[in-house]
Amino acid sequence: MTEFGRGAPIVVIPGLPGPWRFVAPAVHALARYYRVLTLSLGPECSIDSDVDRILAALDERKIDRAVICGISLGGLIALRFAARHPDRTSALLLVSTPGPGMTLAPRYRVYMRWPRLLGALFLIETPYQLRHELRWSQLRPLLGRPVSFARMARRASFLDSHEAEADCRRITAPTLIVTGENALDHVVPVDRTREYLELIPGSGHIRLANTGHLGTITRPELFRAVVQGYVDTILSGAA
């Protein structure tokens, strides 16, 4: 677990690639106002193992409660943590997270069987999928970061889990669903993320303008402002 900043604790969980540095712009923006804890996803490629690692990190630091923020596939880990540990979750943030109704496209199931193929096609598809969000100068550093395509393939199977709806029924923490714009997110359809509004009672939704799937990278200050507005309201009400 890596830690930045001071203030109320927020755990930031990255998505499919795994390393936390893929969401570093959001982490550093939040760290100017909060105590941000973040981690790279574990080699076990298991939702529950990452939940256990987060719990252990909070215990080690004697943090009773934290805001749990999951970005993209990391939202499924955040959701499981909040479902299993409601007493340790002061608020839940699901950012462009695949909804329970989202499944892997047939071509991705093929990729999962041959991770090296996944890696090659991931590198080919990523610039095309993100062409409306990222300039090449922003995309190149992301593609240059080391990732394990075998682990990515295993994590992609999270989408085949049918436990997300059950997790939603156990959520008691205030919950905010954050998405980009429908026309710009070509990774996780916004409508799929918005399914959580129906499944988590009392949850709210904020759309980041002029962003798609990667608003945490392309517009980190806007993301920080949205999170800060919500979190500060929740925490002041709990005081």
Foldseek 3Di string as FASTA:
>chain_A
DDKAAADAEEEEEEDLQFAPVVLVLLQVLLRPPHIYHYHGDDPVLDLVVVLVVVVVVCVVVVQQAHAYEYAALRLLSQLQNCLVCVRRYQEYEYELYFALPDADDPVLVVCLVPLVVVLVVCVVCVCVLQVQADDCVLVVVVNPDDGRSNSSSSNNCVSVDNCSLVSLQRHDHAYEYEFEDQVRASDHHPVRSCVSPVRHPNYYYDYDYSHHSVCSRRPSNSVSVVCCVVVVVSVVVVD
